[in-house]
N, C-alpha and C. Protein backbone atom coordinates (compact mmCIF):
# COMPACT_ATOMS: atom_id res chain seq x y z
N MET A 1 0.83 -1.20 0.02
CA MET A 1 0.00 -0.04 0.05
C MET A 1 0.93 1.28 -0.05
N THR A 2 0.46 2.20 -0.83
CA THR A 2 1.37 3.47 -0.94
C THR A 2 0.87 4.38 0.23
N ARG A 3 1.76 5.13 0.69
CA ARG A 3 1.64 6.03 1.75
C ARG A 3 0.79 7.31 1.30
N SER A 4 -0.27 7.72 2.00
CA SER A 4 -1.02 8.93 1.61
C SER A 4 -0.08 10.09 1.74
N LYS A 5 -0.19 11.00 0.82
CA LYS A 5 0.65 12.26 0.96
C LYS A 5 -0.28 13.41 1.11
N ILE A 6 0.11 14.37 2.09
CA ILE A 6 -0.57 15.62 2.21
C ILE A 6 0.28 16.72 1.80
N GLU A 7 -0.17 17.64 0.81
CA GLU A 7 0.63 18.73 0.50
C GLU A 7 -0.20 20.03 0.54
N LEU A 8 0.51 21.10 0.65
CA LEU A 8 -0.05 22.39 0.45
C LEU A 8 0.35 23.06 -0.76
N GLY A 9 -0.66 23.75 -1.34
CA GLY A 9 -0.35 24.44 -2.63
C GLY A 9 -0.96 25.89 -2.65
N ASP A 10 -0.36 26.70 -3.62
CA ASP A 10 -0.83 28.07 -3.62
C ASP A 10 -2.23 28.15 -4.16
N VAL A 11 -2.92 29.19 -3.91
CA VAL A 11 -4.21 29.52 -4.42
C VAL A 11 -3.90 30.47 -5.63
N THR A 12 -4.45 30.16 -6.81
CA THR A 12 -4.32 30.95 -8.00
C THR A 12 -5.55 31.24 -8.70
N PRO A 13 -5.48 32.03 -9.73
CA PRO A 13 -6.74 32.35 -10.52
C PRO A 13 -7.21 31.07 -11.11
N HIS A 14 -6.33 30.01 -11.38
CA HIS A 14 -6.78 28.81 -11.99
C HIS A 14 -7.48 27.76 -11.05
N ASN A 15 -7.21 27.88 -9.76
CA ASN A 15 -7.90 27.07 -8.82
C ASN A 15 -8.79 27.72 -7.75
N ILE A 16 -8.96 29.00 -8.03
CA ILE A 16 -9.80 29.71 -6.94
C ILE A 16 -11.20 29.16 -6.90
N LYS A 17 -11.68 28.66 -7.99
CA LYS A 17 -13.11 28.18 -8.00
C LYS A 17 -13.12 26.89 -7.06
N GLN A 18 -12.05 26.14 -6.99
CA GLN A 18 -12.03 24.94 -6.04
C GLN A 18 -12.14 25.46 -4.57
N LEU A 19 -11.42 26.57 -4.29
CA LEU A 19 -11.49 27.09 -2.86
C LEU A 19 -12.92 27.51 -2.62
N LYS A 20 -13.45 28.24 -3.67
CA LYS A 20 -15.05 28.63 -3.44
C LYS A 20 -15.87 27.37 -3.20
N ARG A 21 -15.66 26.41 -3.91
CA ARG A 21 -16.64 25.22 -3.81
C ARG A 21 -16.30 24.64 -2.42
N LEU A 22 -15.10 24.44 -2.04
CA LEU A 22 -14.71 23.79 -0.79
C LEU A 22 -15.27 24.63 0.41
N ASN A 23 -15.21 25.91 0.34
CA ASN A 23 -15.67 26.70 1.47
C ASN A 23 -17.33 26.55 1.50
N GLN A 24 -17.96 26.55 0.38
CA GLN A 24 -19.34 26.34 0.30
C GLN A 24 -19.85 25.09 1.07
N VAL A 25 -19.00 24.04 0.84
CA VAL A 25 -19.35 22.65 1.43
C VAL A 25 -18.90 22.71 2.91
N VAL A 26 -17.82 23.30 3.35
CA VAL A 26 -17.25 23.13 4.56
C VAL A 26 -17.99 24.11 5.74
N PHE A 27 -18.18 25.36 5.26
CA PHE A 27 -18.54 26.34 6.27
C PHE A 27 -20.01 26.70 6.06
N PRO A 28 -20.69 27.00 7.18
CA PRO A 28 -22.16 27.41 7.20
C PRO A 28 -22.36 28.80 6.71
N VAL A 29 -21.30 29.58 6.47
CA VAL A 29 -21.50 30.86 6.08
C VAL A 29 -20.84 31.10 4.64
N SER A 30 -21.32 32.08 3.81
CA SER A 30 -20.74 32.26 2.57
C SER A 30 -19.87 33.46 2.57
N TYR A 31 -18.83 33.48 1.60
CA TYR A 31 -17.87 34.48 1.49
C TYR A 31 -18.09 35.28 0.25
N ASN A 32 -17.80 36.59 0.28
CA ASN A 32 -18.05 37.46 -0.87
C ASN A 32 -16.85 37.42 -1.78
N ASP A 33 -17.09 38.14 -2.94
CA ASP A 33 -16.06 38.12 -3.93
C ASP A 33 -14.71 38.81 -3.45
N LYS A 34 -14.91 39.86 -2.65
CA LYS A 34 -13.76 40.59 -2.02
C LYS A 34 -12.86 39.64 -1.24
N PHE A 35 -13.53 38.70 -0.51
CA PHE A 35 -12.72 37.68 0.25
C PHE A 35 -11.88 37.01 -0.68
N TYR A 36 -12.37 36.51 -1.83
CA TYR A 36 -11.50 35.71 -2.74
C TYR A 36 -10.50 36.46 -3.50
N LYS A 37 -10.81 37.82 -3.82
CA LYS A 37 -9.87 38.63 -4.31
C LYS A 37 -8.73 38.85 -3.45
N ASP A 38 -8.99 39.12 -2.17
CA ASP A 38 -7.87 39.21 -1.07
C ASP A 38 -7.06 37.97 -1.05
N VAL A 39 -7.67 36.84 -1.11
CA VAL A 39 -7.04 35.50 -1.02
C VAL A 39 -5.94 35.41 -2.04
N LEU A 40 -6.30 35.77 -3.26
CA LEU A 40 -5.46 35.64 -4.38
C LEU A 40 -4.21 36.37 -4.15
N GLU A 41 -4.24 37.44 -3.33
CA GLU A 41 -3.07 38.32 -3.16
C GLU A 41 -2.37 37.94 -1.74
N ALA A 42 -2.85 36.95 -1.11
CA ALA A 42 -2.30 36.58 0.20
C ALA A 42 -1.05 35.85 0.32
N GLY A 43 -0.66 35.29 -0.86
CA GLY A 43 0.63 34.45 -0.96
C GLY A 43 0.64 33.24 0.08
N GLU A 44 1.64 33.33 1.03
CA GLU A 44 1.69 32.14 1.91
C GLU A 44 0.64 32.03 2.97
N LEU A 45 -0.16 33.16 2.97
CA LEU A 45 -1.20 33.13 3.93
C LEU A 45 -2.56 32.45 3.43
N ALA A 46 -2.51 31.91 2.24
CA ALA A 46 -3.66 31.17 1.69
C ALA A 46 -3.05 29.95 1.03
N LYS A 47 -3.54 28.78 1.40
CA LYS A 47 -3.08 27.50 0.81
C LYS A 47 -4.25 26.51 0.70
N LEU A 48 -4.12 25.79 -0.36
CA LEU A 48 -5.08 24.72 -0.61
C LEU A 48 -4.41 23.53 -0.03
N ALA A 49 -5.03 22.61 0.60
CA ALA A 49 -4.58 21.32 1.10
C ALA A 49 -4.95 20.11 0.13
N TYR A 50 -4.02 19.33 -0.32
CA TYR A 50 -4.09 18.25 -1.15
C TYR A 50 -3.93 16.97 -0.36
N TYR A 51 -4.73 16.01 -0.67
CA TYR A 51 -4.60 14.68 -0.09
C TYR A 51 -4.47 13.70 -1.39
N ASN A 52 -3.33 13.22 -1.60
CA ASN A 52 -3.13 12.41 -2.89
C ASN A 52 -3.59 13.23 -4.00
N ASP A 53 -3.25 14.46 -4.15
CA ASP A 53 -3.43 15.28 -5.28
C ASP A 53 -4.95 15.72 -5.51
N ILE A 54 -5.70 15.45 -4.37
CA ILE A 54 -7.08 15.97 -4.52
C ILE A 54 -7.29 17.08 -3.45
N VAL A 55 -7.96 18.22 -3.86
CA VAL A 55 -8.16 19.32 -2.95
C VAL A 55 -9.12 18.87 -1.98
N VAL A 56 -8.80 18.90 -0.71
CA VAL A 56 -9.68 18.56 0.37
C VAL A 56 -9.86 19.45 1.49
N GLY A 57 -8.94 20.61 1.49
CA GLY A 57 -8.92 21.57 2.51
C GLY A 57 -8.31 22.90 2.07
N ALA A 58 -8.40 23.84 2.97
CA ALA A 58 -7.75 25.19 2.71
C ALA A 58 -7.67 25.95 3.91
N VAL A 59 -6.67 26.77 3.96
CA VAL A 59 -6.49 27.83 5.02
C VAL A 59 -6.25 29.12 4.46
N CYS A 60 -6.97 30.16 4.99
CA CYS A 60 -6.79 31.55 4.43
C CYS A 60 -6.74 32.46 5.65
N CYS A 61 -5.56 33.35 5.63
CA CYS A 61 -5.36 34.21 6.74
C CYS A 61 -5.13 35.49 6.26
N ARG A 62 -5.18 36.57 7.06
CA ARG A 62 -4.74 37.82 6.85
C ARG A 62 -4.15 38.45 8.07
N ILE A 63 -3.36 39.52 7.84
CA ILE A 63 -2.60 40.27 8.88
C ILE A 63 -3.56 41.24 9.39
N ASP A 64 -3.79 41.42 10.78
CA ASP A 64 -4.64 42.30 11.48
C ASP A 64 -3.60 43.15 12.29
N THR A 65 -3.84 44.54 12.07
CA THR A 65 -3.00 45.49 12.95
C THR A 65 -3.89 46.23 13.75
N SER A 66 -5.04 45.81 14.20
CA SER A 66 -5.80 46.55 15.09
C SER A 66 -5.34 46.39 16.61
N GLU A 67 -5.94 47.12 17.51
CA GLU A 67 -5.71 46.91 18.83
C GLU A 67 -4.17 47.01 19.24
N ASN A 68 -3.53 48.05 18.63
CA ASN A 68 -2.07 48.24 18.90
C ASN A 68 -1.26 47.02 18.81
N SER A 69 -1.61 46.03 17.91
CA SER A 69 -0.62 44.81 17.91
C SER A 69 -0.79 44.30 16.47
N ARG A 70 0.11 43.46 16.25
CA ARG A 70 0.25 42.80 14.81
C ARG A 70 -0.13 41.37 15.03
N ARG A 71 -1.34 40.94 14.51
CA ARG A 71 -1.93 39.64 14.74
C ARG A 71 -2.13 38.96 13.42
N LEU A 72 -2.08 37.61 13.48
CA LEU A 72 -2.59 36.91 12.27
C LEU A 72 -3.89 36.38 12.48
N TYR A 73 -4.81 36.71 11.68
CA TYR A 73 -6.15 36.18 11.73
C TYR A 73 -6.54 35.15 10.64
N ILE A 74 -6.86 33.98 11.33
CA ILE A 74 -7.25 32.77 10.48
C ILE A 74 -8.71 33.00 10.10
N MET A 75 -8.85 33.45 8.87
CA MET A 75 -10.24 33.66 8.37
C MET A 75 -10.99 32.38 8.16
N THR A 76 -10.34 31.50 7.48
CA THR A 76 -10.92 30.06 7.26
C THR A 76 -9.89 29.04 7.43
N LEU A 77 -10.19 27.86 8.00
CA LEU A 77 -9.45 26.70 7.89
C LEU A 77 -10.31 25.47 7.95
N GLY A 78 -10.48 24.75 6.99
CA GLY A 78 -11.45 23.76 6.92
C GLY A 78 -11.01 22.64 6.09
N CYS A 79 -11.51 21.45 6.32
CA CYS A 79 -11.28 20.33 5.59
C CYS A 79 -12.59 19.43 5.21
N LEU A 80 -12.67 18.80 4.09
CA LEU A 80 -13.85 18.01 3.82
C LEU A 80 -14.03 16.99 4.83
N TYR A 81 -15.36 16.72 5.18
CA TYR A 81 -15.55 15.80 6.33
C TYR A 81 -14.94 14.33 6.13
N PRO A 82 -15.01 13.71 5.05
CA PRO A 82 -14.47 12.37 4.82
C PRO A 82 -12.95 12.33 5.07
N TYR A 83 -12.25 13.55 5.03
CA TYR A 83 -10.82 13.66 5.04
C TYR A 83 -10.28 14.11 6.46
N ARG A 84 -11.26 14.31 7.39
CA ARG A 84 -10.76 14.83 8.62
C ARG A 84 -10.12 13.72 9.55
N ARG A 85 -9.31 14.06 10.45
CA ARG A 85 -8.58 13.21 11.37
C ARG A 85 -7.56 12.50 10.57
N LEU A 86 -7.00 13.03 9.53
CA LEU A 86 -5.88 12.47 8.76
C LEU A 86 -4.63 13.25 8.86
N GLY A 87 -4.69 14.36 9.60
CA GLY A 87 -3.49 15.19 9.77
C GLY A 87 -3.53 16.43 8.86
N ILE A 88 -4.53 16.68 8.01
CA ILE A 88 -4.63 17.67 7.07
C ILE A 88 -4.88 19.05 7.81
N GLY A 89 -5.74 19.08 8.70
CA GLY A 89 -5.88 20.35 9.53
C GLY A 89 -4.53 20.71 10.26
N SER A 90 -4.03 19.73 10.84
CA SER A 90 -2.76 19.88 11.53
C SER A 90 -1.59 20.48 10.68
N LYS A 91 -1.60 19.93 9.47
CA LYS A 91 -0.60 20.36 8.53
C LYS A 91 -0.75 21.88 8.22
N MET A 92 -2.09 22.26 8.09
CA MET A 92 -2.39 23.63 7.68
C MET A 92 -2.07 24.55 8.97
N VAL A 93 -2.39 24.08 10.17
CA VAL A 93 -2.05 24.85 11.39
C VAL A 93 -0.46 25.04 11.51
N GLU A 94 0.21 24.04 11.17
CA GLU A 94 1.71 23.98 11.23
C GLU A 94 2.26 24.91 10.27
N HIS A 95 1.60 25.03 9.13
CA HIS A 95 2.09 25.98 8.10
C HIS A 95 1.91 27.45 8.67
N VAL A 96 0.78 27.64 9.28
CA VAL A 96 0.46 29.08 9.81
C VAL A 96 1.52 29.28 11.00
N LEU A 97 1.75 28.43 11.84
CA LEU A 97 2.68 28.59 12.97
C LEU A 97 4.11 28.87 12.49
N LYS A 98 4.45 28.03 11.38
CA LYS A 98 5.80 28.21 10.84
C LYS A 98 5.98 29.64 10.19
N TYR A 99 4.89 30.13 9.53
CA TYR A 99 4.83 31.45 8.89
C TYR A 99 5.03 32.51 9.98
N VAL A 100 4.28 32.46 11.04
CA VAL A 100 4.39 33.52 12.09
C VAL A 100 5.77 33.45 12.77
N HIS A 101 6.36 32.27 13.01
CA HIS A 101 7.62 32.04 13.61
C HIS A 101 8.66 32.64 12.70
N SER A 102 8.68 32.35 11.38
CA SER A 102 9.73 32.78 10.54
C SER A 102 9.57 34.35 10.32
N ASP A 103 8.44 34.79 10.43
CA ASP A 103 8.25 36.32 10.34
C ASP A 103 8.80 36.96 11.68
N GLY A 104 8.44 36.38 12.78
CA GLY A 104 8.98 36.85 14.03
C GLY A 104 8.48 38.14 14.55
N ASN A 105 7.45 38.67 13.91
CA ASN A 105 6.83 39.93 14.31
C ASN A 105 5.39 40.01 14.62
N PHE A 106 4.82 38.81 15.07
CA PHE A 106 3.40 38.79 15.34
C PHE A 106 3.21 38.61 16.86
N ASP A 107 2.25 39.32 17.39
CA ASP A 107 2.00 39.19 18.80
C ASP A 107 1.03 37.97 19.12
N SER A 108 0.09 37.60 18.15
CA SER A 108 -0.77 36.45 18.44
C SER A 108 -1.36 36.15 17.17
N ILE A 109 -2.06 34.87 17.11
CA ILE A 109 -2.87 34.47 16.12
C ILE A 109 -4.22 34.25 16.69
N PHE A 110 -5.32 34.66 15.99
CA PHE A 110 -6.57 34.36 16.51
C PHE A 110 -7.62 33.95 15.39
N LEU A 111 -8.74 33.59 15.80
CA LEU A 111 -9.83 33.19 14.95
C LEU A 111 -11.20 33.05 15.67
N HIS A 112 -12.21 33.04 14.83
CA HIS A 112 -13.62 32.87 15.45
C HIS A 112 -14.11 31.44 15.14
N VAL A 113 -14.72 30.88 16.20
CA VAL A 113 -15.31 29.53 16.10
C VAL A 113 -16.69 29.64 16.63
N GLN A 114 -17.63 29.03 15.82
CA GLN A 114 -18.98 28.98 16.35
C GLN A 114 -19.05 28.34 17.75
N VAL A 115 -19.85 28.81 18.77
CA VAL A 115 -19.66 28.42 20.16
C VAL A 115 -20.07 26.83 20.30
N ASN A 116 -20.84 26.33 19.44
CA ASN A 116 -21.27 24.92 19.47
C ASN A 116 -20.20 23.90 18.75
N ASN A 117 -19.25 24.51 18.13
CA ASN A 117 -18.27 23.59 17.44
C ASN A 117 -17.12 23.12 18.29
N GLU A 118 -17.51 22.22 19.12
CA GLU A 118 -16.53 21.66 20.13
C GLU A 118 -15.39 20.87 19.55
N GLY A 119 -15.60 20.37 18.30
CA GLY A 119 -14.46 19.65 17.60
C GLY A 119 -13.38 20.60 17.27
N ALA A 120 -13.88 21.83 16.73
CA ALA A 120 -12.91 22.79 16.24
C ALA A 120 -12.21 23.42 17.40
N ILE A 121 -12.92 23.66 18.55
CA ILE A 121 -12.38 24.25 19.77
C ILE A 121 -11.24 23.34 20.29
N ASP A 122 -11.54 21.99 20.39
CA ASP A 122 -10.67 21.08 20.96
C ASP A 122 -9.39 21.00 20.02
N PHE A 123 -9.64 21.06 18.73
CA PHE A 123 -8.52 21.04 17.71
C PHE A 123 -7.58 22.11 17.97
N TYR A 124 -8.10 23.30 18.08
CA TYR A 124 -7.18 24.45 18.20
C TYR A 124 -6.46 24.46 19.61
N LYS A 125 -7.16 23.94 20.67
CA LYS A 125 -6.56 23.94 21.99
C LYS A 125 -5.29 23.05 22.00
N LYS A 126 -5.29 22.05 21.08
CA LYS A 126 -4.21 21.16 21.03
C LYS A 126 -2.88 21.97 20.51
N PHE A 127 -3.16 23.12 19.88
CA PHE A 127 -2.01 23.87 19.37
C PHE A 127 -1.69 25.18 20.24
N GLY A 128 -2.41 25.10 21.47
CA GLY A 128 -2.09 26.26 22.39
C GLY A 128 -3.02 27.42 22.25
N PHE A 129 -4.14 27.33 21.52
CA PHE A 129 -5.10 28.34 21.42
C PHE A 129 -6.02 28.40 22.70
N GLU A 130 -6.52 29.54 23.16
CA GLU A 130 -7.35 29.58 24.20
C GLU A 130 -8.61 30.44 23.91
N ILE A 131 -9.72 30.17 24.53
CA ILE A 131 -10.82 31.04 24.39
C ILE A 131 -10.56 32.27 25.13
N VAL A 132 -10.54 33.42 24.44
CA VAL A 132 -10.25 34.67 25.15
C VAL A 132 -11.52 35.62 25.18
N ASP A 133 -12.44 35.32 24.34
CA ASP A 133 -13.67 36.20 24.35
C ASP A 133 -14.81 35.43 23.72
N THR A 134 -15.99 35.88 23.82
CA THR A 134 -17.14 35.35 23.06
C THR A 134 -18.00 36.57 22.58
N LYS A 135 -18.14 36.53 21.28
CA LYS A 135 -18.85 37.58 20.51
C LYS A 135 -20.24 37.24 20.22
N GLU A 136 -21.24 37.92 20.84
CA GLU A 136 -22.58 37.61 20.74
C GLU A 136 -23.08 38.16 19.29
N HIS A 137 -23.85 37.35 18.68
CA HIS A 137 -24.46 37.71 17.27
C HIS A 137 -23.40 37.94 16.25
N TYR A 138 -22.30 37.25 16.32
CA TYR A 138 -21.26 37.40 15.42
C TYR A 138 -21.65 36.94 13.87
N TYR A 139 -22.34 35.90 13.87
CA TYR A 139 -22.76 35.37 12.59
C TYR A 139 -24.30 35.78 12.26
N LYS A 140 -24.30 36.01 11.06
CA LYS A 140 -25.71 36.37 10.56
C LYS A 140 -26.30 35.06 9.88
N ARG A 141 -27.59 34.85 10.15
CA ARG A 141 -28.25 33.76 9.36
C ARG A 141 -27.91 32.38 9.76
N ILE A 142 -27.08 32.13 10.77
CA ILE A 142 -26.82 30.82 11.32
C ILE A 142 -27.05 30.74 12.79
N GLU A 143 -27.41 29.61 13.28
CA GLU A 143 -27.55 29.44 14.73
C GLU A 143 -26.63 28.30 15.24
N PRO A 144 -26.05 28.43 16.55
CA PRO A 144 -26.04 29.64 17.27
C PRO A 144 -25.16 30.77 16.50
N ALA A 145 -25.64 32.03 16.76
CA ALA A 145 -24.98 33.15 16.11
C ALA A 145 -23.65 33.58 16.94
N ASP A 146 -23.36 33.13 18.13
CA ASP A 146 -22.35 33.59 18.81
C ASP A 146 -21.07 32.83 18.41
N ALA A 147 -19.93 33.52 18.65
CA ALA A 147 -18.61 32.89 18.29
C ALA A 147 -17.65 33.15 19.40
N HIS A 148 -16.93 32.07 19.74
CA HIS A 148 -15.70 32.23 20.56
C HIS A 148 -14.56 32.77 19.76
N VAL A 149 -13.78 33.69 20.51
CA VAL A 149 -12.51 34.15 19.93
C VAL A 149 -11.45 33.26 20.38
N LEU A 150 -10.75 32.48 19.66
CA LEU A 150 -9.63 31.70 20.11
C LEU A 150 -8.43 32.40 19.74
N GLN A 151 -7.46 32.38 20.62
CA GLN A 151 -6.15 33.02 20.39
C GLN A 151 -5.02 32.27 20.95
N LYS A 152 -3.98 32.34 20.21
CA LYS A 152 -2.66 31.83 20.72
C LYS A 152 -1.68 32.98 20.83
N THR A 153 -1.24 33.28 22.01
CA THR A 153 -0.36 34.34 22.23
C THR A 153 1.06 33.99 21.94
N LEU A 154 1.75 34.85 21.13
CA LEU A 154 3.07 34.59 20.77
C LEU A 154 4.05 35.34 21.51
N ARG A 155 3.63 36.56 21.78
CA ARG A 155 4.42 37.33 22.86
C ARG A 155 3.56 38.25 23.57
N PRO A 156 3.82 38.45 24.93
CA PRO A 156 2.95 39.05 25.75
C PRO A 156 2.82 40.57 25.35
N LYS A 157 1.66 41.22 25.64
CA LYS A 157 1.50 42.53 25.34
C LYS A 157 2.34 43.41 26.29
N ILE A 158 2.91 44.42 25.77
CA ILE A 158 3.76 45.33 26.67
C ILE A 158 2.90 46.61 27.01
N THR A 159 2.61 46.75 28.42
CA THR A 159 1.84 47.86 28.87
C THR A 159 2.74 48.63 29.85
N ASN A 160 3.09 49.90 29.59
CA ASN A 160 3.85 50.52 30.57
C ASN A 160 5.21 49.92 30.82
N GLY A 161 5.77 49.30 29.90
CA GLY A 161 7.09 48.56 30.03
C GLY A 161 6.84 47.29 30.77
N ASP A 162 5.70 46.85 31.15
CA ASP A 162 5.46 45.62 31.90
C ASP A 162 4.96 44.59 30.86
N THR A 163 5.75 43.50 30.91
CA THR A 163 5.38 42.45 29.90
C THR A 163 4.69 41.21 30.59
N LYS A 164 4.33 41.37 31.86
CA LYS A 164 3.58 40.23 32.52
C LYS A 164 2.20 39.92 31.92
N THR A 165 1.87 38.68 31.95
CA THR A 165 0.60 38.34 31.51
C THR A 165 -0.39 38.71 32.65
N GLY A 166 -1.70 38.65 32.33
CA GLY A 166 -2.76 38.86 33.34
C GLY A 166 -2.70 38.03 34.52
N GLU A 167 -2.43 36.80 34.31
CA GLU A 167 -2.28 35.78 35.50
C GLU A 167 -1.15 36.10 36.49
N GLU A 168 -0.05 36.50 35.81
CA GLU A 168 1.22 36.87 36.64
C GLU A 168 0.80 38.09 37.43
N LYS A 169 0.12 39.02 36.77
CA LYS A 169 -0.21 40.37 37.60
C LYS A 169 -1.03 40.00 38.73
N LYS A 170 -2.16 39.03 38.57
CA LYS A 170 -3.03 38.69 39.64
C LYS A 170 -2.21 38.11 40.74
N ASP A 171 -1.29 37.22 40.48
CA ASP A 171 -0.52 36.60 41.47
C ASP A 171 0.37 37.67 42.32
N ASN A 172 0.82 38.54 41.63
CA ASN A 172 1.79 39.63 42.28
C ASN A 172 0.99 40.58 43.08
N GLU A 173 -0.42 40.76 42.77
CA GLU A 173 -1.18 41.69 43.54
C GLU A 173 -1.65 41.12 44.81
N LYS A 174 -1.53 39.80 45.01
CA LYS A 174 -1.97 39.14 46.28
C LYS A 174 -1.20 39.54 47.47
């Protein structure tokens, strides 16, 4: 038996329709034309995942510079249901982690997950993501409409020259 191979490939004008179709199948929300236009310009931040040369997943990210920090936002990361639990999602997350590590200038990585998607929440927790917030009515036209914000902190925020995390501050105030 031959070993299955998982590869990541670039999103191009020639395969963008495959990404659109994949997102329609995997996600309960739809993405507009601007999303796909931006993805085409995202370079290493947008990848299709191939399993034995078949497109079965994709990851799309963007750089977010709000809240006085430089963060990577995972807009979408998904895999077709029959191909889950084969390491494809992990390969995509590892690509994102490698990207932020080699760049060296990100404070954190974050994403939104529907509050009832326990499989996704558990998946991201394995990579060190934590629920840091819950946005009510984040999604339109799907239930539940609330989303957890999951974040992996890469470097602590500096406030007044103090780089301690919230937990360390609480311990010191006792």
